[in-house]
């Protein structure tokens, strides 16, 4: 159970600007540690499917909006 809990811990104040820049206006599945994009697509299903095919067990699914400046998700 501990491994599963570790997968879901989110890092606060993570700057994803550089990681998400190539994926603006796309759905992305981040790795559990939020260090890379494990999958992307035009809809959440595509992003999640790609991440799972790459072996990501607990991806974090989000939309990468094309806006400038900081924002909270």
PDB file of N, CA and C in Angstrom:
ATOM      1  N   UNK A   1       0.812  -1.194   0.000  1.00  0.00           N
ATOM      2  CA  UNK A   1       0.000   0.000   0.000  1.00  0.00           C
ATOM      3  C   UNK A   1       0.861   1.266   0.000  1.00  0.00           C
ATOM      4  N   UNK A   2       2.004   1.193   0.641  1.00  0.00           N
ATOM      5  CA  UNK A   2       2.860   2.374   0.709  1.00  0.00           C
ATOM      6  C   UNK A   2       3.293   2.836  -0.682  1.00  0.00           C
ATOM      7  N   UNK A   3       3.646   1.917  -1.588  1.00  0.00           N
ATOM      8  CA  UNK A   3       4.042   2.302  -2.939  1.00  0.00           C
ATOM      9  C   UNK A   3       2.932   3.068  -3.630  1.00  0.00           C
ATOM     10  N   UNK A   4       1.713   2.629  -3.454  1.00  0.00           N
ATOM     11  CA  UNK A   4       0.555   3.288  -4.066  1.00  0.00           C
ATOM     12  C   UNK A   4       0.392   4.699  -3.512  1.00  0.00           C
ATOM     13  N   UNK A   5       0.599   4.862  -2.214  1.00  0.00           N
ATOM     14  CA  UNK A   5       0.504   6.184  -1.608  1.00  0.00           C
ATOM     15  C   UNK A   5       1.594   7.104  -2.138  1.00  0.00           C
ATOM     16  N   UNK A   6       2.786   6.586  -2.315  1.00  0.00           N
ATOM     17  CA  UNK A   6       3.885   7.382  -2.850  1.00  0.00           C
ATOM     18  C   UNK A   6       3.579   7.857  -4.258  1.00  0.00           C
ATOM     19  N   UNK A   7       2.911   7.038  -5.062  1.00  0.00           N
ATOM     20  CA  UNK A   7       2.567   7.404  -6.430  1.00  0.00           C
ATOM     21  C   UNK A   7       1.663   8.622  -6.479  1.00  0.00           C
ATOM     22  N   UNK A   8       0.838   8.810  -5.465  1.00  0.00           N
ATOM     23  CA  UNK A   8      -0.160   9.862  -5.498  1.00  0.00           C
ATOM     24  C   UNK A   8       0.238  11.133  -4.759  1.00  0.00           C
ATOM     25  N   UNK A   9       1.426  11.179  -4.206  1.00  0.00           N
ATOM     26  CA  UNK A   9       1.871  12.400  -3.545  1.00  0.00           C
ATOM     27  C   UNK A   9       2.199  13.441  -4.601  1.00  0.00           C
ATOM     28  N   UNK A  10       1.601  14.603  -4.482  1.00  0.00           N
ATOM     29  CA  UNK A  10       1.856  15.683  -5.428  1.00  0.00           C
ATOM     30  C   UNK A  10       2.833  16.675  -4.824  1.00  0.00           C
ATOM     31  N   UNK A  11       3.722  17.162  -5.624  1.00  0.00           N
ATOM     32  CA  UNK A  11       4.654  18.177  -5.203  1.00  0.00           C
ATOM     33  C   UNK A  11       3.966  19.529  -5.338  1.00  0.00           C
ATOM     34  N   UNK A  12       4.001  20.323  -4.302  1.00  0.00           N
ATOM     35  CA  UNK A  12       3.382  21.630  -4.359  1.00  0.00           C
ATOM     36  C   UNK A  12       4.274  22.614  -5.096  1.00  0.00           C
ATOM     37  N   UNK A  13       3.652  23.559  -5.761  1.00  0.00           N
ATOM     38  CA  UNK A  13       4.363  24.630  -6.458  1.00  0.00           C
ATOM     39  C   UNK A  13       5.336  24.122  -7.515  1.00  0.00           C
ATOM     40  N   UNK A  14       4.946  23.124  -8.244  1.00  0.00           N
ATOM     41  CA  UNK A  14       5.780  22.611  -9.323  1.00  0.00           C
ATOM     42  C   UNK A  14       5.571  23.469 -10.562  1.00  0.00           C
ATOM     43  N   UNK A  15       6.650  24.006 -11.121  1.00  0.00           N
ATOM     44  CA  UNK A  15       6.560  24.809 -12.341  1.00  0.00           C
ATOM     45  C   UNK A  15       6.605  23.865 -13.541  1.00  0.00           C
ATOM     46  N   UNK A  16       5.480  23.717 -14.199  1.00  0.00           N
ATOM     47  CA  UNK A  16       5.372  22.803 -15.336  1.00  0.00           C
ATOM     48  C   UNK A  16       5.508  23.519 -16.677  1.00  0.00           C
ATOM     49  N   UNK A  17       5.843  24.803 -16.663  1.00  0.00           N
ATOM     50  CA  UNK A  17       5.898  25.599 -17.883  1.00  0.00           C
ATOM     51  C   UNK A  17       6.765  24.955 -18.958  1.00  0.00           C
ATOM     52  N   UNK A  18       7.964  24.594 -18.624  1.00  0.00           N
ATOM     53  CA  UNK A  18       8.889  24.012 -19.600  1.00  0.00           C
ATOM     54  C   UNK A  18       8.414  22.648 -20.075  1.00  0.00           C
ATOM     55  N   UNK A  19       7.916  21.845 -19.168  1.00  0.00           N
ATOM     56  CA  UNK A  19       7.463  20.495 -19.511  1.00  0.00           C
ATOM     57  C   UNK A  19       6.249  20.541 -20.433  1.00  0.00           C
ATOM     58  N   UNK A  20       5.330  21.462 -20.177  1.00  0.00           N
ATOM     59  CA  UNK A  20       4.067  21.500 -20.930  1.00  0.00           C
ATOM     60  C   UNK A  20       4.114  22.324 -22.203  1.00  0.00           C
ATOM     61  N   UNK A  21       5.140  23.143 -22.389  1.00  0.00           N
ATOM     62  CA  UNK A  21       5.192  24.046 -23.542  1.00  0.00           C
ATOM     63  C   UNK A  21       4.946  23.354 -24.888  1.00  0.00           C
ATOM     64  N   UNK A  22       5.512  22.184 -25.153  1.00  0.00           N
ATOM     65  CA  UNK A  22       5.242  21.535 -26.449  1.00  0.00           C
ATOM     66  C   UNK A  22       3.827  20.959 -26.583  1.00  0.00           C
ATOM     67  N   UNK A  23       3.056  20.973 -25.499  1.00  0.00           N
ATOM     68  CA  UNK A  23       1.744  20.317 -25.485  1.00  0.00           C
ATOM     69  C   UNK A  23       0.585  21.286 -25.254  1.00  0.00           C
ATOM     70  N   UNK A  24       0.772  22.564 -25.564  1.00  0.00           N
ATOM     71  CA  UNK A  24      -0.274  23.548 -25.319  1.00  0.00           C
ATOM     72  C   UNK A  24      -1.549  23.184 -26.072  1.00  0.00           C
ATOM     73  N   UNK A  25      -2.670  23.363 -25.405  1.00  0.00           N
ATOM     74  CA  UNK A  25      -4.009  23.027 -25.928  1.00  0.00           C
ATOM     75  C   UNK A  25      -4.187  21.543 -26.179  1.00  0.00           C
ATOM     76  N   UNK A  26      -3.458  20.727 -25.433  1.00  0.00           N
ATOM     77  CA  UNK A  26      -3.579  19.267 -25.504  1.00  0.00           C
ATOM     78  C   UNK A  26      -3.841  18.727 -24.100  1.00  0.00           C
ATOM     79  N   UNK A  27      -4.346  17.534 -24.042  1.00  0.00           N
ATOM     80  CA  UNK A  27      -4.443  16.801 -22.783  1.00  0.00           C
ATOM     81  C   UNK A  27      -3.126  16.088 -22.575  1.00  0.00           C
ATOM     82  N   UNK A  28      -2.617  16.099 -21.364  1.00  0.00           N
ATOM     83  CA  UNK A  28      -1.362  15.425 -21.053  1.00  0.00           C
ATOM     84  C   UNK A  28      -1.537  14.531 -19.832  1.00  0.00           C
ATOM     85  N   UNK A  29      -0.767  13.470 -19.816  1.00  0.00           N
ATOM     86  CA  UNK A  29      -0.685  12.578 -18.661  1.00  0.00           C
ATOM     87  C   UNK A  29       0.741  12.698 -18.138  1.00  0.00           C
ATOM     88  N   UNK A  30       0.884  13.315 -16.987  1.00  0.00           N
ATOM     89  CA  UNK A  30       2.200  13.479 -16.377  1.00  0.00           C
ATOM     90  C   UNK A  30       2.599  12.203 -15.648  1.00  0.00           C
ATOM     91  N   UNK A  31       3.895  11.967 -15.575  1.00  0.00           N
ATOM     92  CA  UNK A  31       4.380  10.874 -14.745  1.00  0.00           C
ATOM     93  C   UNK A  31       3.992  11.163 -13.304  1.00  0.00           C
ATOM     94  N   UNK A  32       3.911  10.137 -12.482  1.00  0.00           N
ATOM     95  CA  UNK A  32       3.490  10.299 -11.089  1.00  0.00           C
ATOM     96  C   UNK A  32       4.377  11.275 -10.324  1.00  0.00           C
ATOM     97  N   UNK A  33       5.648  11.369 -10.710  1.00  0.00           N
ATOM     98  CA  UNK A  33       6.547  12.301 -10.025  1.00  0.00           C
ATOM     99  C   UNK A  33       6.554  13.692 -10.668  1.00  0.00           C
ATOM    100  N   UNK A  34       5.728  13.889 -11.685  1.00  0.00           N
ATOM    101  CA  UNK A  34       5.554  15.167 -12.375  1.00  0.00           C
ATOM    102  C   UNK A  34       6.816  15.692 -13.048  1.00  0.00           C
ATOM    103  N   UNK A  35       7.689  14.802 -13.476  1.00  0.00           N
ATOM    104  CA  UNK A  35       8.932  15.240 -14.113  1.00  0.00           C
ATOM    105  C   UNK A  35       8.891  15.157 -15.629  1.00  0.00           C
ATOM    106  N   UNK A  36       7.876  14.463 -16.185  1.00  0.00           N
ATOM    107  CA  UNK A  36       7.813  14.328 -17.641  1.00  0.00           C
ATOM    108  C   UNK A  36       6.380  14.054 -18.083  1.00  0.00           C
ATOM    109  N   UNK A  37       6.137  14.315 -19.358  1.00  0.00           N
ATOM    110  CA  UNK A  37       4.854  13.983 -19.965  1.00  0.00           C
ATOM    111  C   UNK A  37       4.945  12.549 -20.450  1.00  0.00           C
ATOM    112  N   UNK A  38       4.089  11.705 -19.911  1.00  0.00           N
ATOM    113  CA  UNK A  38       4.094  10.290 -20.279  1.00  0.00           C
ATOM    114  C   UNK A  38       3.169  10.007 -21.456  1.00  0.00           C
ATOM    115  N   UNK A  39       2.230  10.916 -21.717  1.00  0.00           N
ATOM    116  CA  UNK A  39       1.308  10.746 -22.827  1.00  0.00           C
ATOM    117  C   UNK A  39       0.608  12.053 -23.125  1.00  0.00           C
ATOM    118  N   UNK A  40       0.140  12.198 -24.362  1.00  0.00           N
ATOM    119  CA  UNK A  40      -0.590  13.408 -24.746  1.00  0.00           C
ATOM    120  C   UNK A  40      -1.592  13.061 -25.829  1.00  0.00           C
ATOM    121  N   UNK A  41      -2.565  13.954 -26.009  1.00  0.00           N
ATOM    122  CA  UNK A  41      -3.560  13.724 -27.040  1.00  0.00           C
ATOM    123  C   UNK A  41      -4.584  14.838 -27.095  1.00  0.00           C
ATOM    124  N   UNK A  42      -5.503  14.719 -28.036  1.00  0.00           N
ATOM    125  CA  UNK A  42      -6.557  15.709 -28.192  1.00  0.00           C
ATOM    126  C   UNK A  42      -7.677  15.525 -27.174  1.00  0.00           C
ATOM    127  N   UNK A  43      -7.669  14.404 -26.476  1.00  0.00           N
ATOM    128  CA  UNK A  43      -8.668  14.161 -25.447  1.00  0.00           C
ATOM    129  C   UNK A  43      -8.009  13.367 -24.316  1.00  0.00           C
ATOM    130  N   UNK A  44      -8.642  13.321 -23.147  1.00  0.00           N
ATOM    131  CA  UNK A  44      -8.037  12.643 -21.995  1.00  0.00           C
ATOM    132  C   UNK A  44      -7.780  11.161 -22.242  1.00  0.00           C
ATOM    133  N   UNK A  45      -8.663  10.512 -22.974  1.00  0.00           N
ATOM    134  CA  UNK A  45      -8.506   9.081 -23.225  1.00  0.00           C
ATOM    135  C   UNK A  45      -7.216   8.786 -23.987  1.00  0.00           C
ATOM    136  N   UNK A  46      -6.910   9.588 -25.010  1.00  0.00           N
ATOM    137  CA  UNK A  46      -5.676   9.394 -25.785  1.00  0.00           C
ATOM    138  C   UNK A  46      -4.438   9.572 -24.909  1.00  0.00           C
ATOM    139  N   UNK A  47      -4.430  10.616 -24.095  1.00  0.00           N
ATOM    140  CA  UNK A  47      -3.273  10.888 -23.231  1.00  0.00           C
ATOM    141  C   UNK A  47      -3.063   9.761 -22.227  1.00  0.00           C
ATOM    142  N   UNK A  48      -4.143   9.320 -21.616  1.00  0.00           N
ATOM    143  CA  UNK A  48      -4.065   8.244 -20.630  1.00  0.00           C
ATOM    144  C   UNK A  48      -3.624   6.935 -21.271  1.00  0.00           C
ATOM    145  N   UNK A  49      -4.152   6.630 -22.434  1.00  0.00           N
ATOM    146  CA  UNK A  49      -3.802   5.394 -23.125  1.00  0.00           C
ATOM    147  C   UNK A  49      -2.308   5.365 -23.473  1.00  0.00           C
ATOM    148  N   UNK A  50      -1.779   6.481 -23.974  1.00  0.00           N
ATOM    149  CA  UNK A  50      -0.352   6.534 -24.310  1.00  0.00           C
ATOM    150  C   UNK A  50       0.519   6.358 -23.066  1.00  0.00           C
ATOM    151  N   UNK A  51       0.126   6.997 -21.978  1.00  0.00           N
ATOM    152  CA  UNK A  51       0.897   6.876 -20.740  1.00  0.00           C
ATOM    153  C   UNK A  51       0.901   5.437 -20.235  1.00  0.00           C
ATOM    154  N   UNK A  52      -0.238   4.797 -20.279  1.00  0.00           N
ATOM    155  CA  UNK A  52      -0.323   3.405 -19.808  1.00  0.00           C
ATOM    156  C   UNK A  52       0.487   2.477 -20.708  1.00  0.00           C
ATOM    157  N   UNK A  53       0.495   2.740 -22.017  1.00  0.00           N
ATOM    158  CA  UNK A  53       1.300   1.925 -22.932  1.00  0.00           C
ATOM    159  C   UNK A  53       2.792   2.065 -22.626  1.00  0.00           C
ATOM    160  N   UNK A  54       3.180   3.207 -22.104  1.00  0.00           N
ATOM    161  CA  UNK A  54       4.577   3.444 -21.739  1.00  0.00           C
ATOM    162  C   UNK A  54       4.901   2.935 -20.337  1.00  0.00           C
ATOM    163  N   UNK A  55       3.910   2.329 -19.674  1.00  0.00           N
ATOM    164  CA  UNK A  55       4.158   1.724 -18.370  1.00  0.00           C
ATOM    165  C   UNK A  55       3.921   2.623 -17.174  1.00  0.00           C
ATOM    166  N   UNK A  56       3.341   3.792 -17.389  1.00  0.00           N
ATOM    167  CA  UNK A  56       3.059   4.687 -16.264  1.00  0.00           C
ATOM    168  C   UNK A  56       1.841   4.170 -15.509  1.00  0.00           C
ATOM    169  N   UNK A  57       2.028   3.812 -14.249  1.00  0.00           N
ATOM    170  CA  UNK A  57       0.955   3.208 -13.451  1.00  0.00           C
ATOM    171  C   UNK A  57      -0.068   4.207 -12.947  1.00  0.00           C
ATOM    172  N   UNK A  58       0.383   5.372 -12.541  1.00  0.00           N
ATOM    173  CA  UNK A  58      -0.507   6.357 -11.922  1.00  0.00           C
ATOM    174  C   UNK A  58      -0.302   7.744 -12.525  1.00  0.00           C
ATOM    175  N   UNK A  59      -0.615   7.907 -13.789  1.00  0.00           N
ATOM    176  CA  UNK A  59      -0.398   9.220 -14.410  1.00  0.00           C
ATOM    177  C   UNK A  59      -1.342  10.282 -13.854  1.00  0.00           C
ATOM    178  N   UNK A  60      -0.902  11.510 -13.924  1.00  0.00           N
ATOM    179  CA  UNK A  60      -1.699  12.658 -13.510  1.00  0.00           C
ATOM    180  C   UNK A  60      -2.225  13.307 -14.776  1.00  0.00           C
ATOM    181  N   UNK A  61      -3.512  13.289 -14.961  1.00  0.00           N
ATOM    182  CA  UNK A  61      -4.144  13.769 -16.184  1.00  0.00           C
ATOM    183  C   UNK A  61      -4.532  15.236 -16.042  1.00  0.00           C
ATOM    184  N   UNK A  62      -4.193  16.044 -17.062  1.00  0.00           N
ATOM    185  CA  UNK A  62      -4.543  17.461 -17.037  1.00  0.00           C
ATOM    186  C   UNK A  62      -4.572  18.036 -18.443  1.00  0.00           C
ATOM    187  N   UNK A  63      -5.201  19.185 -18.593  1.00  0.00           N
ATOM    188  CA  UNK A  63      -5.210  19.917 -19.847  1.00  0.00           C
ATOM    189  C   UNK A  63      -4.136  20.985 -19.762  1.00  0.00           C
ATOM    190  N   UNK A  64      -3.372  21.183 -20.833  1.00  0.00           N
ATOM    191  CA  UNK A  64      -2.309  22.195 -20.871  1.00  0.00           C
ATOM    192  C   UNK A  64      -2.827  23.418 -21.626  1.00  0.00           C
ATOM    193  N   UNK A  65      -3.408  24.380 -20.916  1.00  0.00           N
ATOM    194  CA  UNK A  65      -3.986  25.553 -21.593  1.00  0.00           C
ATOM    195  C   UNK A  65      -2.914  26.470 -22.156  1.00  0.00           C
ATOM    196  N   UNK A  66      -3.254  27.132 -23.229  1.00  0.00           N
ATOM    197  CA  UNK A  66      -2.321  28.083 -23.853  1.00  0.00           C
ATOM    198  C   UNK A  66      -2.569  29.478 -23.290  1.00  0.00           C
ATOM    199  N   UNK A  67      -2.206  29.665 -22.024  1.00  0.00           N
ATOM    200  CA  UNK A  67      -2.323  30.971 -21.397  1.00  0.00           C
ATOM    201  C   UNK A  67      -0.980  31.343 -20.823  1.00  0.00           C
ATOM    202  N   UNK A  68      -0.746  32.629 -20.689  1.00  0.00           N
ATOM    203  CA  UNK A  68       0.520  33.047 -20.114  1.00  0.00           C
ATOM    204  C   UNK A  68       0.319  33.427 -18.654  1.00  0.00           C
ATOM    205  N   UNK A  69       1.356  33.311 -17.900  1.00  0.00           N
ATOM    206  CA  UNK A  69       1.305  33.649 -16.484  1.00  0.00           C
ATOM    207  C   UNK A  69       0.945  32.455 -15.624  1.00  0.00           C
ATOM    208  N   UNK A  70       1.161  32.566 -14.347  1.00  0.00           N
ATOM    209  CA  UNK A  70       0.878  31.452 -13.421  1.00  0.00           C
ATOM    210  C   UNK A  70      -0.621  31.239 -13.238  1.00  0.00           C
ATOM    211  N   UNK A  71      -0.990  30.009 -12.984  1.00  0.00           N
ATOM    212  CA  UNK A  71      -2.380  29.679 -12.688  1.00  0.00           C
ATOM    213  C   UNK A  71      -2.412  28.412 -11.849  1.00  0.00           C
ATOM    214  N   UNK A  72      -3.452  28.225 -11.136  1.00  0.00           N
ATOM    215  CA  UNK A  72      -3.604  27.046 -10.275  1.00  0.00           C
ATOM    216  C   UNK A  72      -4.481  26.013 -10.957  1.00  0.00           C
ATOM    217  N   UNK A  73      -4.134  24.751 -10.765  1.00  0.00           N
ATOM    218  CA  UNK A  73      -4.937  23.651 -11.326  1.00  0.00           C
ATOM    219  C   UNK A  73      -5.605  22.906 -10.227  1.00  0.00           C
TER     220      UNK A  73
END
